[in-house]
N, C-alpha and C. Protein backbone atom coordinates (compact mmCIF):
# COMPACT_ATOMS: atom_id res chain seq x y z
N MET A 1 106.49 101.89 145.32
CA MET A 1 106.07 101.08 144.21
C MET A 1 106.74 101.58 142.93
N ASN A 2 107.32 100.68 142.18
CA ASN A 2 108.04 101.03 140.97
C ASN A 2 107.07 101.08 139.78
N GLN A 3 106.91 102.25 139.19
CA GLN A 3 106.00 102.43 138.06
C GLN A 3 106.68 102.18 136.72
N GLN A 4 108.01 101.96 136.72
CA GLN A 4 108.74 101.78 135.47
C GLN A 4 108.20 100.62 134.63
N PRO A 5 107.96 99.44 135.17
CA PRO A 5 107.45 98.35 134.32
C PRO A 5 106.09 98.67 133.70
N LEU A 6 105.21 99.32 134.45
CA LEU A 6 103.90 99.67 133.90
C LEU A 6 104.02 100.70 132.80
N TRP A 7 104.90 101.68 133.00
CA TRP A 7 105.13 102.70 132.00
C TRP A 7 105.69 102.07 130.73
N MET A 8 106.68 101.19 130.89
CA MET A 8 107.30 100.52 129.75
C MET A 8 106.28 99.66 129.01
N GLU A 9 105.41 98.99 129.74
CA GLU A 9 104.38 98.16 129.12
C GLU A 9 103.43 99.01 128.28
N GLY A 10 102.99 100.11 128.84
CA GLY A 10 102.05 100.97 128.12
C GLY A 10 102.67 101.60 126.88
N VAL A 11 103.88 102.09 127.01
CA VAL A 11 104.53 102.74 125.87
C VAL A 11 104.85 101.73 124.78
N SER A 12 105.36 100.55 125.15
CA SER A 12 105.69 99.56 124.12
C SER A 12 104.43 99.02 123.43
N ASP A 13 103.34 98.84 124.19
CA ASP A 13 102.07 98.44 123.57
C ASP A 13 101.59 99.50 122.57
N ALA A 14 101.67 100.76 122.97
CA ALA A 14 101.21 101.84 122.10
C ALA A 14 102.05 101.93 120.83
N ILE A 15 103.37 101.82 120.98
CA ILE A 15 104.25 101.89 119.81
C ILE A 15 104.01 100.70 118.89
N GLY A 16 103.86 99.51 119.46
CA GLY A 16 103.61 98.33 118.65
C GLY A 16 102.29 98.42 117.91
N PHE A 17 101.24 98.85 118.59
CA PHE A 17 99.93 98.98 117.95
C PHE A 17 99.94 100.04 116.86
N LEU A 18 100.50 101.20 117.18
CA LEU A 18 100.53 102.29 116.20
C LEU A 18 101.39 101.93 115.00
N GLY A 19 102.56 101.35 115.25
CA GLY A 19 103.43 100.95 114.16
C GLY A 19 102.79 99.91 113.27
N GLY A 20 102.16 98.91 113.87
CA GLY A 20 101.49 97.88 113.09
C GLY A 20 100.31 98.43 112.31
N SER A 21 99.58 99.34 112.91
CA SER A 21 98.44 99.97 112.21
C SER A 21 98.92 100.76 111.01
N LEU A 22 100.00 101.50 111.18
CA LEU A 22 100.54 102.27 110.06
C LEU A 22 101.04 101.35 108.95
N LEU A 23 101.69 100.26 109.32
CA LEU A 23 102.13 99.30 108.30
C LEU A 23 100.93 98.71 107.55
N GLY A 24 99.87 98.40 108.27
CA GLY A 24 98.66 97.90 107.63
C GLY A 24 98.04 98.94 106.71
N PHE A 25 98.04 100.19 107.15
CA PHE A 25 97.50 101.28 106.33
C PHE A 25 98.31 101.44 105.05
N TRP A 26 99.65 101.46 105.19
CA TRP A 26 100.50 101.63 104.01
C TRP A 26 100.39 100.43 103.07
N ALA A 27 100.26 99.23 103.62
CA ALA A 27 100.06 98.05 102.76
C ALA A 27 98.76 98.19 101.99
N GLY A 28 97.71 98.67 102.65
CA GLY A 28 96.44 98.91 101.97
C GLY A 28 96.57 99.96 100.88
N GLN A 29 97.32 101.01 101.15
CA GLN A 29 97.52 102.05 100.14
C GLN A 29 98.25 101.48 98.92
N LEU A 30 99.24 100.62 99.15
CA LEU A 30 99.95 99.99 98.04
C LEU A 30 99.03 99.10 97.21
N LEU A 31 98.04 98.51 97.87
CA LEU A 31 97.08 97.65 97.17
C LEU A 31 95.89 98.43 96.61
N GLY A 32 95.88 99.75 96.82
CA GLY A 32 94.80 100.58 96.30
C GLY A 32 93.56 100.60 97.18
N LEU A 33 93.71 100.30 98.45
CA LEU A 33 92.58 100.28 99.39
C LEU A 33 92.58 101.58 100.18
N ASN A 34 91.52 102.35 100.08
CA ASN A 34 91.43 103.64 100.75
C ASN A 34 90.43 103.54 101.90
N ILE A 35 90.93 103.61 103.12
CA ILE A 35 90.03 103.49 104.28
C ILE A 35 89.21 104.75 104.49
N PHE A 36 89.58 105.84 103.82
CA PHE A 36 88.88 107.11 103.99
C PHE A 36 87.91 107.42 102.86
N ALA A 37 87.67 106.45 101.99
CA ALA A 37 86.74 106.67 100.88
C ALA A 37 85.31 106.81 101.42
N GLU A 38 84.48 107.53 100.68
CA GLU A 38 83.08 107.69 101.11
C GLU A 38 82.36 106.36 101.02
N GLY A 39 81.49 106.13 101.98
CA GLY A 39 80.74 104.88 102.01
C GLY A 39 81.61 103.74 102.52
N TYR A 40 81.02 102.58 102.61
CA TYR A 40 81.75 101.41 103.08
C TYR A 40 81.72 100.34 102.00
N GLY A 41 82.50 100.56 100.96
CA GLY A 41 82.62 99.57 99.90
C GLY A 41 83.58 98.47 100.31
N ASN A 42 83.72 97.49 99.43
CA ASN A 42 84.60 96.36 99.74
C ASN A 42 86.05 96.78 99.95
N SER A 43 86.54 97.72 99.13
CA SER A 43 87.93 98.14 99.27
C SER A 43 88.13 98.91 100.58
N THR A 44 87.14 99.67 101.00
CA THR A 44 87.24 100.38 102.27
C THR A 44 87.28 99.41 103.44
N ILE A 45 86.40 98.42 103.42
CA ILE A 45 86.36 97.42 104.49
C ILE A 45 87.67 96.63 104.52
N ALA A 46 88.18 96.25 103.36
CA ALA A 46 89.44 95.51 103.31
C ALA A 46 90.59 96.34 103.87
N GLY A 47 90.60 97.62 103.58
CA GLY A 47 91.63 98.50 104.12
C GLY A 47 91.54 98.62 105.63
N ILE A 48 90.32 98.74 106.15
CA ILE A 48 90.12 98.81 107.60
C ILE A 48 90.56 97.52 108.27
N VAL A 49 90.28 96.39 107.63
CA VAL A 49 90.71 95.10 108.17
C VAL A 49 92.23 95.03 108.21
N LEU A 50 92.90 95.50 107.17
CA LEU A 50 94.37 95.50 107.17
C LEU A 50 94.93 96.36 108.30
N VAL A 51 94.34 97.51 108.53
CA VAL A 51 94.79 98.37 109.63
C VAL A 51 94.60 97.66 110.97
N GLY A 52 93.45 97.02 111.16
CA GLY A 52 93.19 96.30 112.41
C GLY A 52 94.13 95.13 112.61
N LEU A 53 94.35 94.37 111.55
CA LEU A 53 95.28 93.24 111.65
C LEU A 53 96.70 93.71 111.93
N GLY A 54 97.11 94.77 111.27
CA GLY A 54 98.44 95.32 111.51
C GLY A 54 98.60 95.79 112.94
N GLY A 55 97.59 96.47 113.47
CA GLY A 55 97.64 96.93 114.86
C GLY A 55 97.72 95.78 115.84
N GLY A 56 96.92 94.75 115.61
CA GLY A 56 96.95 93.58 116.49
C GLY A 56 98.27 92.85 116.43
N LEU A 57 98.83 92.69 115.24
CA LEU A 57 100.12 92.02 115.11
C LEU A 57 101.23 92.84 115.74
N GLY A 58 101.18 94.16 115.56
CA GLY A 58 102.18 95.03 116.19
C GLY A 58 102.12 94.95 117.70
N LEU A 59 100.92 94.90 118.25
CA LEU A 59 100.75 94.78 119.70
C LEU A 59 101.32 93.45 120.19
N GLN A 60 101.05 92.37 119.47
CA GLN A 60 101.57 91.06 119.88
C GLN A 60 103.09 91.02 119.78
N LEU A 61 103.66 91.65 118.77
CA LEU A 61 105.12 91.71 118.66
C LEU A 61 105.73 92.50 119.81
N ALA A 62 105.09 93.59 120.21
CA ALA A 62 105.59 94.38 121.35
C ALA A 62 105.55 93.55 122.63
N ARG A 63 104.49 92.81 122.83
CA ARG A 63 104.39 91.97 124.03
C ARG A 63 105.41 90.85 124.01
N ARG A 64 105.63 90.24 122.84
CA ARG A 64 106.64 89.19 122.71
C ARG A 64 108.03 89.75 122.99
N TRP A 65 108.30 90.95 122.49
CA TRP A 65 109.58 91.61 122.73
C TRP A 65 109.81 91.83 124.22
N ARG A 66 108.78 92.31 124.92
CA ARG A 66 108.91 92.51 126.38
C ARG A 66 109.13 91.21 127.10
N ARG A 67 108.43 90.15 126.71
CA ARG A 67 108.56 88.85 127.37
C ARG A 67 109.98 88.29 127.17
N ILE A 68 110.51 88.38 125.96
CA ILE A 68 111.87 87.90 125.69
C ILE A 68 112.89 88.72 126.46
N ARG A 69 112.67 90.02 126.50
CA ARG A 69 113.57 90.91 127.24
C ARG A 69 113.58 90.58 128.73
N ALA A 70 112.40 90.30 129.29
CA ALA A 70 112.30 89.94 130.71
C ALA A 70 112.97 88.59 130.97
N GLN A 71 112.81 87.64 130.07
CA GLN A 71 113.45 86.34 130.25
C GLN A 71 114.97 86.47 130.23
N LYS A 72 115.50 87.25 129.32
CA LYS A 72 116.94 87.44 129.25
C LYS A 72 117.46 88.13 130.51
N ARG A 73 116.71 89.10 131.01
CA ARG A 73 117.11 89.80 132.22
C ARG A 73 117.08 88.85 133.41
N HIS A 74 116.07 87.98 133.44
CA HIS A 74 115.94 87.03 134.55
C HIS A 74 117.05 85.97 134.50
N GLU A 75 117.42 85.53 133.30
CA GLU A 75 118.47 84.52 133.16
C GLU A 75 119.84 85.07 133.52
N SER A 76 120.06 86.36 133.30
CA SER A 76 121.37 86.94 133.57
C SER A 76 121.58 87.22 135.06
N GLN A 77 120.54 87.13 135.85
CA GLN A 77 120.68 87.41 137.30
C GLN A 77 121.13 86.20 138.06
């Protein structure tokens, strides 16, 4: 059984999620939203939402990248 596709799927999902989360975090920092502030004020919640949205978008981009890559590989055979 070839574990390479499963390994590639897991690593690309992790990189996409982490990269998107970091982009969301940095965007929040640029907007003055601190996710680590004490309490759960509006700016903290907005920052957490940006991190979550960034992670989800990064994950979807990683999956789209894999799908396009698989289609190109399939077409070339």
